[in-house]
C-alpha atoms as a PDB file:
ATOM      1  CA  UNK A   1      18.200   2.709   2.199  1.00  0.00           C
ATOM      2  CA  UNK A   2      17.886  -0.881   1.256  1.00  0.00           C
ATOM      3  CA  UNK A   3      20.866  -3.075   0.747  1.00  0.00           C
ATOM      4  CA  UNK A   4      21.946  -2.456  -2.823  1.00  0.00           C
ATOM      5  CA  UNK A   5      19.625  -0.862  -5.297  1.00  0.00           C
ATOM      6  CA  UNK A   6      15.768  -1.232  -5.237  1.00  0.00           C
ATOM      7  CA  UNK A   7      13.811  -0.409  -8.394  1.00  0.00           C
ATOM      8  CA  UNK A   8      10.052   0.096  -8.418  1.00  0.00           C
ATOM      9  CA  UNK A   9       8.397  -1.220 -11.570  1.00  0.00           C
ATOM     10  CA  UNK A  10       4.783  -1.859 -12.687  1.00  0.00           C
ATOM     11  CA  UNK A  11       3.378  -5.065 -11.468  1.00  0.00           C
ATOM     12  CA  UNK A  12       3.742  -8.333 -13.675  1.00  0.00           C
ATOM     13  CA  UNK A  13       1.365 -11.265 -13.318  1.00  0.00           C
ATOM     14  CA  UNK A  14       4.414 -13.456 -12.176  1.00  0.00           C
ATOM     15  CA  UNK A  15       4.832 -11.080  -9.205  1.00  0.00           C
ATOM     16  CA  UNK A  16       1.620 -12.388  -7.607  1.00  0.00           C
ATOM     17  CA  UNK A  17       3.032 -15.465  -5.624  1.00  0.00           C
ATOM     18  CA  UNK A  18       5.873 -13.515  -4.002  1.00  0.00           C
ATOM     19  CA  UNK A  19       3.670 -10.619  -3.030  1.00  0.00           C
ATOM     20  CA  UNK A  20       1.078 -13.011  -1.553  1.00  0.00           C
ATOM     21  CA  UNK A  21       3.923 -14.646   0.333  1.00  0.00           C
ATOM     22  CA  UNK A  22       4.986 -11.088   1.687  1.00  0.00           C
ATOM     23  CA  UNK A  23       1.434 -10.358   2.871  1.00  0.00           C
ATOM     24  CA  UNK A  24       1.384 -13.579   4.753  1.00  0.00           C
ATOM     25  CA  UNK A  25       4.954 -13.162   6.189  1.00  0.00           C
ATOM     26  CA  UNK A  26       4.096  -9.875   7.656  1.00  0.00           C
ATOM     27  CA  UNK A  27       1.705 -11.554  10.187  1.00  0.00           C
ATOM     28  CA  UNK A  28      -0.429  -8.409  10.216  1.00  0.00           C
ATOM     29  CA  UNK A  29      -3.104  -9.182   7.522  1.00  0.00           C
ATOM     30  CA  UNK A  30      -5.837 -11.745   8.011  1.00  0.00           C
ATOM     31  CA  UNK A  31      -6.431 -14.586   5.488  1.00  0.00           C
ATOM     32  CA  UNK A  32      -9.569 -12.774   4.448  1.00  0.00           C
ATOM     33  CA  UNK A  33      -7.550  -9.428   3.723  1.00  0.00           C
ATOM     34  CA  UNK A  34      -4.901 -11.398   1.986  1.00  0.00           C
ATOM     35  CA  UNK A  35      -7.595 -12.906  -0.235  1.00  0.00           C
ATOM     36  CA  UNK A  36      -8.724  -9.508  -1.207  1.00  0.00           C
ATOM     37  CA  UNK A  37      -5.165  -8.278  -2.160  1.00  0.00           C
ATOM     38  CA  UNK A  38      -4.939 -11.344  -4.323  1.00  0.00           C
ATOM     39  CA  UNK A  39      -8.292 -10.753  -5.890  1.00  0.00           C
ATOM     40  CA  UNK A  40      -7.067  -7.113  -6.823  1.00  0.00           C
ATOM     41  CA  UNK A  41      -3.973  -8.591  -8.376  1.00  0.00           C
ATOM     42  CA  UNK A  42      -6.023 -11.048 -10.408  1.00  0.00           C
ATOM     43  CA  UNK A  43      -8.318  -8.104 -11.538  1.00  0.00           C
ATOM     44  CA  UNK A  44      -5.185  -6.110 -12.806  1.00  0.00           C
ATOM     45  CA  UNK A  45      -3.958  -9.369 -14.515  1.00  0.00           C
ATOM     46  CA  UNK A  46      -7.373 -10.190 -16.154  1.00  0.00           C
ATOM     47  CA  UNK A  47      -8.037  -6.637 -17.246  1.00  0.00           C
ATOM     48  CA  UNK A  48      -4.726  -4.750 -17.941  1.00  0.00           C
ATOM     49  CA  UNK A  49      -6.558  -1.789 -19.345  1.00  0.00           C
ATOM     50  CA  UNK A  50      -8.695  -1.298 -16.201  1.00  0.00           C
ATOM     51  CA  UNK A  51      -8.259   2.132 -14.325  1.00  0.00           C
ATOM     52  CA  UNK A  52      -9.265   1.175 -10.841  1.00  0.00           C
ATOM     53  CA  UNK A  53      -6.105  -0.065  -9.501  1.00  0.00           C
ATOM     54  CA  UNK A  54      -2.447   0.553 -10.018  1.00  0.00           C
ATOM     55  CA  UNK A  55       0.077  -1.879  -8.566  1.00  0.00           C
ATOM     56  CA  UNK A  56       3.878  -1.482  -8.459  1.00  0.00           C
ATOM     57  CA  UNK A  57       6.430  -3.859  -7.168  1.00  0.00           C
ATOM     58  CA  UNK A  58       9.760  -3.076  -5.466  1.00  0.00           C
ATOM     59  CA  UNK A  59      12.624  -5.436  -6.697  1.00  0.00           C
ATOM     60  CA  UNK A  60      16.095  -5.772  -5.322  1.00  0.00           C
ATOM     61  CA  UNK A  61      19.294  -6.277  -7.071  1.00  0.00           C
ATOM     62  CA  UNK A  62      18.900  -9.964  -7.146  1.00  0.00           C
ATOM     63  CA  UNK A  63      15.553  -9.694  -8.830  1.00  0.00           C
ATOM     64  CA  UNK A  64      13.938 -10.660  -5.598  1.00  0.00           C
ATOM     65  CA  UNK A  65      10.509  -8.969  -4.848  1.00  0.00           C
ATOM     66  CA  UNK A  66      10.662  -6.921  -1.463  1.00  0.00           C
ATOM     67  CA  UNK A  67       7.449  -4.987  -1.387  1.00  0.00           C
ATOM     68  CA  UNK A  68       4.535  -3.611  -3.391  1.00  0.00           C
ATOM     69  CA  UNK A  69       1.700  -1.090  -3.255  1.00  0.00           C
ATOM     70  CA  UNK A  70      -1.713  -0.859  -4.729  1.00  0.00           C
ATOM     71  CA  UNK A  71      -3.446   2.537  -5.234  1.00  0.00           C
ATOM     72  CA  UNK A  72      -6.555   3.711  -7.060  1.00  0.00           C
ATOM     73  CA  UNK A  73      -8.973   6.721  -7.711  1.00  0.00           C
ATOM     74  CA  UNK A  74     -11.633   6.755  -5.080  1.00  0.00           C
ATOM     75  CA  UNK A  75     -14.914   6.555  -6.730  1.00  0.00           C
ATOM     76  CA  UNK A  76     -16.914   9.583  -7.157  1.00  0.00           C
ATOM     77  CA  UNK A  77     -14.099  11.956  -6.253  1.00  0.00           C
ATOM     78  CA  UNK A  78     -11.781  14.272  -8.165  1.00  0.00           C
ATOM     79  CA  UNK A  79      -8.262  13.864  -7.231  1.00  0.00           C
ATOM     80  CA  UNK A  80      -8.571  11.566  -4.179  1.00  0.00           C
ATOM     81  CA  UNK A  81      -6.822   8.285  -4.341  1.00  0.00           C
ATOM     82  CA  UNK A  82      -6.987   5.288  -1.857  1.00  0.00           C
ATOM     83  CA  UNK A  83      -3.666   3.554  -1.012  1.00  0.00           C
ATOM     84  CA  UNK A  84      -5.207   0.034  -0.885  1.00  0.00           C
ATOM     85  CA  UNK A  85      -2.172  -1.853   0.179  1.00  0.00           C
ATOM     86  CA  UNK A  86       1.429  -1.284   0.905  1.00  0.00           C
ATOM     87  CA  UNK A  87       3.677  -4.164   2.236  1.00  0.00           C
ATOM     88  CA  UNK A  88       7.339  -4.882   2.529  1.00  0.00           C
ATOM     89  CA  UNK A  89       9.029  -8.136   3.125  1.00  0.00           C
ATOM     90  CA  UNK A  90       9.686  -8.521   6.886  1.00  0.00           C
ATOM     91  CA  UNK A  91      13.403  -9.321   6.142  1.00  0.00           C
ATOM     92  CA  UNK A  92      13.592  -6.026   4.375  1.00  0.00           C
ATOM     93  CA  UNK A  93      12.003  -3.800   7.076  1.00  0.00           C
ATOM     94  CA  UNK A  94      13.790  -0.773   8.330  1.00  0.00           C
ATOM     95  CA  UNK A  95      15.784  -0.348   5.106  1.00  0.00           C
ATOM     96  CA  UNK A  96      13.698   2.506   3.541  1.00  0.00           C
ATOM     97  CA  UNK A  97      11.900   0.430   1.159  1.00  0.00           C
ATOM     98  CA  UNK A  98       8.358   1.407   2.494  1.00  0.00           C
ATOM     99  CA  UNK A  99       9.347   5.101   2.168  1.00  0.00           C
ATOM    100  CA  UNK A 100      10.441   4.371  -1.578  1.00  0.00           C
ATOM    101  CA  UNK A 101       7.285   2.783  -2.328  1.00  0.00           C
ATOM    102  CA  UNK A 102       4.969   5.482  -0.749  1.00  0.00           C
ATOM    103  CA  UNK A 103       6.882   8.308  -2.382  1.00  0.00           C
ATOM    104  CA  UNK A 104       6.450   6.466  -5.794  1.00  0.00           C
ATOM    105  CA  UNK A 105       2.864   6.211  -5.121  1.00  0.00           C
ATOM    106  CA  UNK A 106       2.525   9.907  -4.274  1.00  0.00           C
ATOM    107  CA  UNK A 107       4.396  10.900  -7.457  1.00  0.00           C
ATOM    108  CA  UNK A 108       2.230   8.563  -9.483  1.00  0.00           C
ATOM    109  CA  UNK A 109      -0.976  10.033  -7.874  1.00  0.00           C
ATOM    110  CA  UNK A 110       0.321  13.659  -8.653  1.00  0.00           C
ATOM    111  CA  UNK A 111       1.045  12.560 -12.293  1.00  0.00           C
ATOM    112  CA  UNK A 112      -2.522  11.374 -12.663  1.00  0.00           C
ATOM    113  CA  UNK A 113      -3.764  14.680 -11.350  1.00  0.00           C
ATOM    114  CA  UNK A 114      -4.488  13.494  -7.918  1.00  0.00           C
ATOM    115  CA  UNK A 115      -4.368  15.734  -4.993  1.00  0.00           C
ATOM    116  CA  UNK A 116      -4.906  13.453  -1.814  1.00  0.00           C
ATOM    117  CA  UNK A 117      -3.742  10.062  -0.856  1.00  0.00           C
ATOM    118  CA  UNK A 118      -5.889   8.335   1.624  1.00  0.00           C
ATOM    119  CA  UNK A 119      -4.643   5.284   3.796  1.00  0.00           C
ATOM    120  CA  UNK A 120      -6.947   3.395   6.174  1.00  0.00           C
ATOM    121  CA  UNK A 121      -5.716   1.128   8.890  1.00  0.00           C
ATOM    122  CA  UNK A 122      -6.811  -0.520  12.164  1.00  0.00           C
ATOM    123  CA  UNK A 123      -6.187   0.666  15.588  1.00  0.00           C
ATOM    124  CA  UNK A 124      -5.191  -2.724  16.866  1.00  0.00           C
ATOM    125  CA  UNK A 125      -1.745  -2.993  18.597  1.00  0.00           C
ATOM    126  CA  UNK A 126      -0.235  -5.132  15.683  1.00  0.00           C
ATOM    127  CA  UNK A 127      -0.802  -2.031  13.353  1.00  0.00           C
ATOM    128  CA  UNK A 128       1.078   0.277  15.710  1.00  0.00           C
ATOM    129  CA  UNK A 129       4.123   0.060  13.368  1.00  0.00           C
ATOM    130  CA  UNK A 130       1.875   0.855  10.374  1.00  0.00           C
ATOM    131  CA  UNK A 131       0.384   3.988  12.045  1.00  0.00           C
ATOM    132  CA  UNK A 132       3.890   5.199  12.834  1.00  0.00           C
ATOM    133  CA  UNK A 133       5.008   4.583   9.355  1.00  0.00           C
ATOM    134  CA  UNK A 134       2.270   6.809   8.024  1.00  0.00           C
ATOM    135  CA  UNK A 135       2.891   9.572  10.499  1.00  0.00           C
ATOM    136  CA  UNK A 136       6.643   9.436   9.716  1.00  0.00           C
ATOM    137  CA  UNK A 137       5.768   9.817   5.761  1.00  0.00           C
ATOM    138  CA  UNK A 138       3.886  12.909   6.617  1.00  0.00           C
ATOM    139  CA  UNK A 139       0.428  11.567   6.718  1.00  0.00           C
ATOM    140  CA  UNK A 140      -2.123  13.124   9.182  1.00  0.00           C
ATOM    141  CA  UNK A 141      -4.659  11.313  10.958  1.00  0.00           C
ATOM    142  CA  UNK A 142      -7.826  12.878   9.639  1.00  0.00           C
ATOM    143  CA  UNK A 143     -10.469  10.598  10.984  1.00  0.00           C
ATOM    144  CA  UNK A 144     -11.404   7.629  13.324  1.00  0.00           C
ATOM    145  CA  UNK A 145     -14.450   5.489  13.443  1.00  0.00           C
ATOM    146  CA  UNK A 146     -14.897   3.653  16.749  1.00  0.00           C
ATOM    147  CA  UNK A 147     -15.560   0.015  16.555  1.00  0.00           C
ATOM    148  CA  UNK A 148     -15.482   0.070  12.701  1.00  0.00           C
ATOM    149  CA  UNK A 149     -13.982  -3.317  11.987  1.00  0.00           C
ATOM    150  CA  UNK A 150     -15.232  -5.017  15.219  1.00  0.00           C
ATOM    151  CA  UNK A 151     -15.760  -4.016  18.838  1.00  0.00           C
ATOM    152  CA  UNK A 152     -12.496  -2.508  20.122  1.00  0.00           C
ATOM    153  CA  UNK A 153     -11.057  -2.146  16.423  1.00  0.00           C
ATOM    154  CA  UNK A 154     -11.271   1.274  15.243  1.00  0.00           C
ATOM    155  CA  UNK A 155     -10.732   2.460  11.695  1.00  0.00           C
ATOM    156  CA  UNK A 156      -7.917   5.042  11.528  1.00  0.00           C
ATOM    157  CA  UNK A 157      -7.867   7.240   8.360  1.00  0.00           C
ATOM    158  CA  UNK A 158      -4.700   8.944   7.312  1.00  0.00           C
ATOM    159  CA  UNK A 159      -4.402  11.580   4.389  1.00  0.00           C
ATOM    160  CA  UNK A 160      -1.629  13.386   2.646  1.00  0.00           C
ATOM    161  CA  UNK A 161      -2.132  16.316   0.321  1.00  0.00           C
ATOM    162  CA  UNK A 162       0.266  15.690  -2.534  1.00  0.00           C
ATOM    163  CA  UNK A 163      -0.688  18.944  -4.417  1.00  0.00           C
ATOM    164  CA  UNK A 164      -3.268  21.522  -4.138  1.00  0.00           C
END
């Protein structure tokens, strides 16, 4: 568990700079990927009533943002949700915050009538910890597309059935 108490709350516009900084600090995401994550935050800020993305923020005792996730219904499906982003501040790794975030995400999906959470990631070595994290959280590797992102960089698809 994290040092002190972590609470997870709905994303607020003022969270955006801290989340963008977390994404940069992970040294996993490219500049282009971070740009897309920021665009999704901008979409949620600009259209608070939109239904495509839900973003939640993990906040520590000191009101410091330590992580977040973004999830949304997969278009043209019934009950399938994509976990678009999940990230934890590197100085807060190995403290259970990622597990708290993903369990919160799964409970949210269930409350919205969702059945499946899909998480996609890369096969590149710097995503090893990400893939271990998903497996540790009970996600199963359900697909792999060779050379999806680029030659030598496969798409790995994980899924977890949160309710039948």
